[in-house]
């Protein structure tokens, strides 16, 4: 994500997600990808526990796949994203279920109407694509009321390190194992270009301690954590049932 620029009196956000928006929408679509539907969204809802009348903020909302579930719980949904193209799809798919704002997740203080407005905020598979981490979490905490909840759902940073982890096969023991080549050192990773185009996004690996400590520095204390395997019911082998794909956690704002 690049800094915001004010052009002709309009605050505009430049992001690497705009060039890949058509491809990403084709993959995720209105309802979310298979992983969204089977794993990520159910885990978020379990941690979030949305209540009627609450105001929920979806940071890095993309196509707004979370919106119908928040509305179904009779809560109020606001989604924001840095990509104007993804927001076009969000408004097309879910515009009647909430509002969608163009915003830089690191600079939410530039939208004073969001200050301490929300009972909960969610990063649904989006925080791992944001850097710096501290400013994204500080902005999220700024939007929360005292006692508000922050939900993070991401690929598990301990076991799913982009380009630095993968499955191996132990011939002697006749079983698969998870290979981790690098973990403690934070680094950025250019993801593979999308098929048929010239755009590419970037992901950011950080060890688990970076997330926990950054949350605490923002006055957000972790109260629940879930580690989610690829699919308990459909996993073809023990390894996929034992090595988590996603990490979900809930933190609560304990100071302003």
Protein backbone atom coordinates (compact mmCIF):
# COMPACT_ATOMS: atom_id res chain seq x y z
CA UNK A 1 0.00 0.00 0.00
CA UNK A 2 1.38 3.43 -0.90
CA UNK A 3 0.64 6.71 0.84
CA UNK A 4 -2.55 8.60 0.17
CA UNK A 5 -2.40 11.54 -2.22
CA UNK A 6 -4.85 14.40 -2.43
CA UNK A 7 -5.73 15.08 -6.05
CA UNK A 8 -8.20 17.80 -7.08
CA UNK A 9 -9.51 18.00 -3.54
CA UNK A 10 -10.21 14.27 -3.32
CA UNK A 11 -8.33 11.94 -1.00
CA UNK A 12 -7.11 9.06 -3.12
CA UNK A 13 -5.33 5.87 -2.05
CA UNK A 14 -2.83 4.13 -4.30
CA UNK A 15 -2.55 0.38 -3.84
CA UNK A 16 -1.21 -2.67 -5.64
CA UNK A 17 -4.66 -4.28 -5.35
CA UNK A 18 -6.30 -2.12 -8.03
CA UNK A 19 -4.49 -3.80 -10.97
CA UNK A 20 -5.47 -7.28 -9.74
CA UNK A 21 -9.04 -6.45 -8.69
CA UNK A 22 -10.75 -8.11 -11.67
CA UNK A 23 -8.81 -11.34 -11.20
CA UNK A 24 -9.31 -11.31 -7.42
CA UNK A 25 -13.03 -10.74 -7.79
CA UNK A 26 -13.20 -13.65 -10.20
CA UNK A 27 -11.59 -15.88 -7.59
CA UNK A 28 -13.31 -14.59 -4.43
CA UNK A 29 -16.53 -13.23 -5.91
CA UNK A 30 -19.64 -12.23 -4.01
CA UNK A 31 -19.67 -15.10 -1.51
CA UNK A 32 -15.94 -15.51 -0.87
CA UNK A 33 -13.52 -18.25 -1.85
CA UNK A 34 -13.88 -21.83 -0.67
CA UNK A 35 -11.51 -21.07 2.22
CA UNK A 36 -13.55 -17.99 3.12
CA UNK A 37 -16.80 -19.92 3.26
CA UNK A 38 -15.62 -23.11 4.97
CA UNK A 39 -12.98 -21.80 7.36
CA UNK A 40 -12.21 -18.09 7.58
CA UNK A 41 -15.68 -16.55 7.93
CA UNK A 42 -17.00 -19.15 10.42
CA UNK A 43 -13.89 -18.62 12.58
CA UNK A 44 -14.28 -14.84 12.47
CA UNK A 45 -17.93 -15.05 13.47
CA UNK A 46 -17.13 -17.41 16.34
CA UNK A 47 -14.53 -14.97 17.69
CA UNK A 48 -16.55 -11.86 16.91
CA UNK A 49 -19.90 -12.96 18.38
CA UNK A 50 -21.74 -10.03 16.73
CA UNK A 51 -24.76 -8.72 18.65
CA UNK A 52 -27.86 -6.90 17.39
CA UNK A 53 -27.32 -3.16 17.04
CA UNK A 54 -23.53 -3.29 17.20
CA UNK A 55 -21.37 -1.32 14.77
CA UNK A 56 -18.79 -3.57 13.07
CA UNK A 57 -15.84 -2.28 10.99
CA UNK A 58 -14.30 -4.54 8.32
CA UNK A 59 -10.75 -3.30 7.59
CA UNK A 60 -9.45 -4.41 4.21
CA UNK A 61 -12.96 -5.45 3.26
CA UNK A 62 -12.25 -6.25 -0.39
CA UNK A 63 -15.51 -7.35 -2.00
CA UNK A 64 -17.32 -7.17 1.33
CA UNK A 65 -17.85 -10.92 1.73
CA UNK A 66 -18.32 -10.49 5.50
CA UNK A 67 -21.19 -8.01 5.15
CA UNK A 68 -24.12 -10.46 4.78
CA UNK A 69 -23.12 -12.30 7.95
CA UNK A 70 -22.96 -9.12 10.00
CA UNK A 71 -26.35 -8.01 8.72
CA UNK A 72 -27.76 -11.47 9.43
CA UNK A 73 -26.75 -10.95 13.07
CA UNK A 74 -28.70 -7.65 12.97
CA UNK A 75 -25.52 -5.63 13.47
CA UNK A 76 -24.43 -2.64 11.36
CA UNK A 77 -21.66 -3.10 8.84
CA UNK A 78 -19.00 -0.66 7.56
CA UNK A 79 -16.30 -1.89 5.20
CA UNK A 80 -13.22 0.00 4.11
CA UNK A 81 -10.48 -0.76 1.65
CA UNK A 82 -7.61 0.98 -0.11
CA UNK A 83 -8.68 -0.34 -3.51
CA UNK A 84 -11.35 1.68 -5.29
CA UNK A 85 -11.77 -1.17 -7.78
CA UNK A 86 -12.48 -3.74 -5.07
CA UNK A 87 -14.93 -1.31 -3.47
CA UNK A 88 -16.80 -1.10 -6.76
CA UNK A 89 -17.35 -4.84 -6.54
CA UNK A 90 -18.26 -4.57 -2.84
CA UNK A 91 -20.94 -1.97 -3.53
CA UNK A 92 -22.25 -4.01 -6.46
CA UNK A 93 -22.43 -7.21 -4.41
CA UNK A 94 -23.40 -5.89 -0.97
CA UNK A 95 -24.14 -2.18 -1.22
CA UNK A 96 -27.56 -2.59 0.37
CA UNK A 97 -26.09 -4.30 3.43
CA UNK A 98 -23.83 -1.55 4.70
CA UNK A 99 -21.54 1.26 3.66
CA UNK A 100 -18.12 1.03 2.02
CA UNK A 101 -15.38 3.65 2.37
CA UNK A 102 -12.14 4.25 0.50
CA UNK A 103 -9.46 4.61 3.17
CA UNK A 104 -5.88 3.80 4.07
CA UNK A 105 -5.96 1.42 7.04
CA UNK A 106 -2.86 3.13 8.45
CA UNK A 107 -4.45 6.59 8.47
CA UNK A 108 -7.96 6.23 9.75
CA UNK A 109 -7.52 9.30 11.94
CA UNK A 110 -8.08 11.29 8.73
CA UNK A 111 -11.71 10.14 8.97
CA UNK A 112 -12.74 11.65 12.33
CA UNK A 113 -16.27 10.26 12.06
CA UNK A 114 -14.78 6.80 12.71
CA UNK A 115 -13.25 7.72 16.08
CA UNK A 116 -14.43 5.34 18.83
CA UNK A 117 -17.52 4.57 16.76
CA UNK A 118 -17.27 0.78 16.59
CA UNK A 119 -17.98 -2.06 18.97
CA UNK A 120 -15.70 -4.36 17.00
CA UNK A 121 -13.28 -4.29 14.07
CA UNK A 122 -12.15 -7.17 11.88
CA UNK A 123 -9.10 -7.93 9.75
CA UNK A 124 -10.29 -10.85 7.62
CA UNK A 125 -7.22 -12.14 5.76
CA UNK A 126 -6.10 -8.55 5.24
CA UNK A 127 -3.61 -7.59 7.97
CA UNK A 128 -0.89 -9.82 6.53
CA UNK A 129 -0.95 -7.59 3.43
CA UNK A 130 -0.50 -4.35 5.41
CA UNK A 131 2.72 -2.70 6.52
CA UNK A 132 3.74 -1.18 8.90
CA UNK A 133 1.87 -3.41 11.37
CA UNK A 134 1.93 -0.90 14.24
CA UNK A 135 0.12 1.86 12.35
CA UNK A 136 -2.59 -0.49 11.08
CA UNK A 137 -3.30 -1.76 14.60
CA UNK A 138 -3.10 1.74 16.11
CA UNK A 139 -5.67 2.96 13.57
CA UNK A 140 -7.94 0.01 14.29
CA UNK A 141 -7.74 0.61 18.05
CA UNK A 142 -8.57 4.30 17.47
CA UNK A 143 -11.90 3.33 15.89
CA UNK A 144 -12.96 1.14 18.83
CA UNK A 145 -14.98 2.12 21.84
CA UNK A 146 -13.63 1.23 25.27
CA UNK A 147 -14.08 -2.51 25.68
CA UNK A 148 -14.38 -3.01 21.92
CA UNK A 149 -13.12 -6.16 20.23
CA UNK A 150 -10.54 -6.56 17.49
CA UNK A 151 -10.63 -9.81 15.48
CA UNK A 152 -7.65 -10.96 13.42
CA UNK A 153 -7.83 -13.86 10.98
CA UNK A 154 -4.69 -14.60 8.99
CA UNK A 155 -2.68 -17.44 7.54
CA UNK A 156 -0.80 -18.95 10.45
CA UNK A 157 2.54 -17.09 10.73
CA UNK A 158 4.27 -20.03 12.43
CA UNK A 159 3.52 -22.64 9.78
CA UNK A 160 2.57 -20.83 6.57
CA UNK A 161 5.53 -18.59 5.78
CA UNK A 162 5.40 -17.39 2.14
CA UNK A 163 8.21 -18.90 0.07
CA UNK A 164 9.89 -20.13 3.28
CA UNK A 165 7.70 -23.11 4.20
CA UNK A 166 6.12 -26.11 2.55
CA UNK A 167 5.35 -29.80 2.79
CA UNK A 168 8.11 -32.41 2.76
CA UNK A 169 8.09 -36.20 2.82
CA UNK A 170 10.01 -38.32 5.33
CA UNK A 171 10.77 -41.50 3.42
CA UNK A 172 11.91 -43.41 6.50
CA UNK A 173 8.77 -42.63 8.51
CA UNK A 174 6.49 -42.62 5.46
CA UNK A 175 4.73 -39.43 6.37
CA UNK A 176 4.59 -35.78 5.43
CA UNK A 177 6.07 -32.99 7.53
CA UNK A 178 5.92 -29.20 7.50
CA UNK A 179 9.22 -27.57 6.52
CA UNK A 180 9.96 -24.11 7.98
CA UNK A 181 13.06 -22.42 6.60
CA UNK A 182 12.67 -18.98 8.20
CA UNK A 183 10.41 -17.65 10.93
CA UNK A 184 11.69 -15.02 13.39
CA UNK A 185 12.90 -12.48 10.84
CA UNK A 186 10.14 -10.25 9.38
CA UNK A 187 10.23 -9.82 5.63
CA UNK A 188 8.04 -8.78 2.71
CA UNK A 189 7.11 -11.18 -0.05
CA UNK A 190 6.01 -10.30 -3.60
CA UNK A 191 3.21 -12.71 -4.43
CA UNK A 192 2.99 -14.40 -7.81
CA UNK A 193 1.49 -12.24 -10.56
CA UNK A 194 -2.11 -13.04 -11.32
CA UNK A 195 -2.81 -15.08 -14.49
CA UNK A 196 -2.99 -13.10 -17.69
CA UNK A 197 -1.99 -9.76 -16.17
CA UNK A 198 0.94 -7.69 -14.98
CA UNK A 199 -0.15 -6.86 -11.43
CA UNK A 200 1.15 -8.42 -8.22
CA UNK A 201 0.51 -7.85 -4.54
CA UNK A 202 2.84 -8.06 -1.56
CA UNK A 203 2.48 -9.95 1.70
CA UNK A 204 4.37 -9.42 4.97
CA UNK A 205 5.62 -12.17 7.22
CA UNK A 206 6.03 -11.46 10.93
CA UNK A 207 6.50 -13.84 13.86
CA UNK A 208 3.61 -14.33 16.23
CA UNK A 209 5.27 -12.21 18.92
CA UNK A 210 5.11 -9.17 16.64
CA UNK A 211 1.31 -9.38 16.52
CA UNK A 212 0.83 -10.01 20.25
CA UNK A 213 3.26 -7.29 21.34
CA UNK A 214 1.92 -4.73 18.85
CA UNK A 215 -1.63 -5.34 20.05
CA UNK A 216 -0.57 -4.82 23.65
CA UNK A 217 1.17 -1.56 22.76
CA UNK A 218 -2.16 -0.32 21.35
CA UNK A 219 -4.02 -1.20 24.55
CA UNK A 220 -5.49 -4.34 23.00
CA UNK A 221 -5.11 -7.48 25.11
CA UNK A 222 -5.60 -10.92 23.58
CA UNK A 223 -8.37 -12.88 25.28
CA UNK A 224 -8.93 -15.75 22.85
CA UNK A 225 -6.95 -17.55 20.15
CA UNK A 226 -7.92 -20.22 17.62
CA UNK A 227 -5.67 -22.28 15.35
CA UNK A 228 -7.60 -23.60 12.37
CA UNK A 229 -6.51 -26.61 10.28
CA UNK A 230 -7.12 -26.82 6.56
CA UNK A 231 -10.36 -28.71 7.15
CA UNK A 232 -11.06 -31.14 9.97
CA UNK A 233 -13.79 -32.95 8.09
CA UNK A 234 -12.25 -33.10 4.63
CA UNK A 235 -8.52 -33.30 5.35
CA UNK A 236 -7.06 -36.27 3.50
CA UNK A 237 -4.31 -36.97 6.01
CA UNK A 238 -3.32 -36.43 9.61
CA UNK A 239 -0.83 -33.72 8.70
CA UNK A 240 -3.49 -31.33 7.37
CA UNK A 241 -5.57 -31.93 10.47
CA UNK A 242 -2.66 -31.19 12.82
CA UNK A 243 -0.84 -28.29 11.13
CA UNK A 244 -3.02 -25.14 11.19
CA UNK A 245 -3.69 -23.13 8.07
CA UNK A 246 -5.19 -20.07 9.79
CA UNK A 247 -4.71 -18.24 13.07
CA UNK A 248 -7.61 -16.32 14.60
CA UNK A 249 -7.54 -14.19 17.71
CA UNK A 250 -9.69 -11.75 19.62
CA UNK A 251 -8.26 -8.79 21.53
CA UNK A 252 -10.15 -6.29 23.66
CA UNK A 253 -9.50 -2.58 24.05
CA UNK A 254 -8.67 -1.99 27.69
CA UNK A 255 -7.44 1.60 27.52
CA UNK A 256 -7.98 4.64 25.30
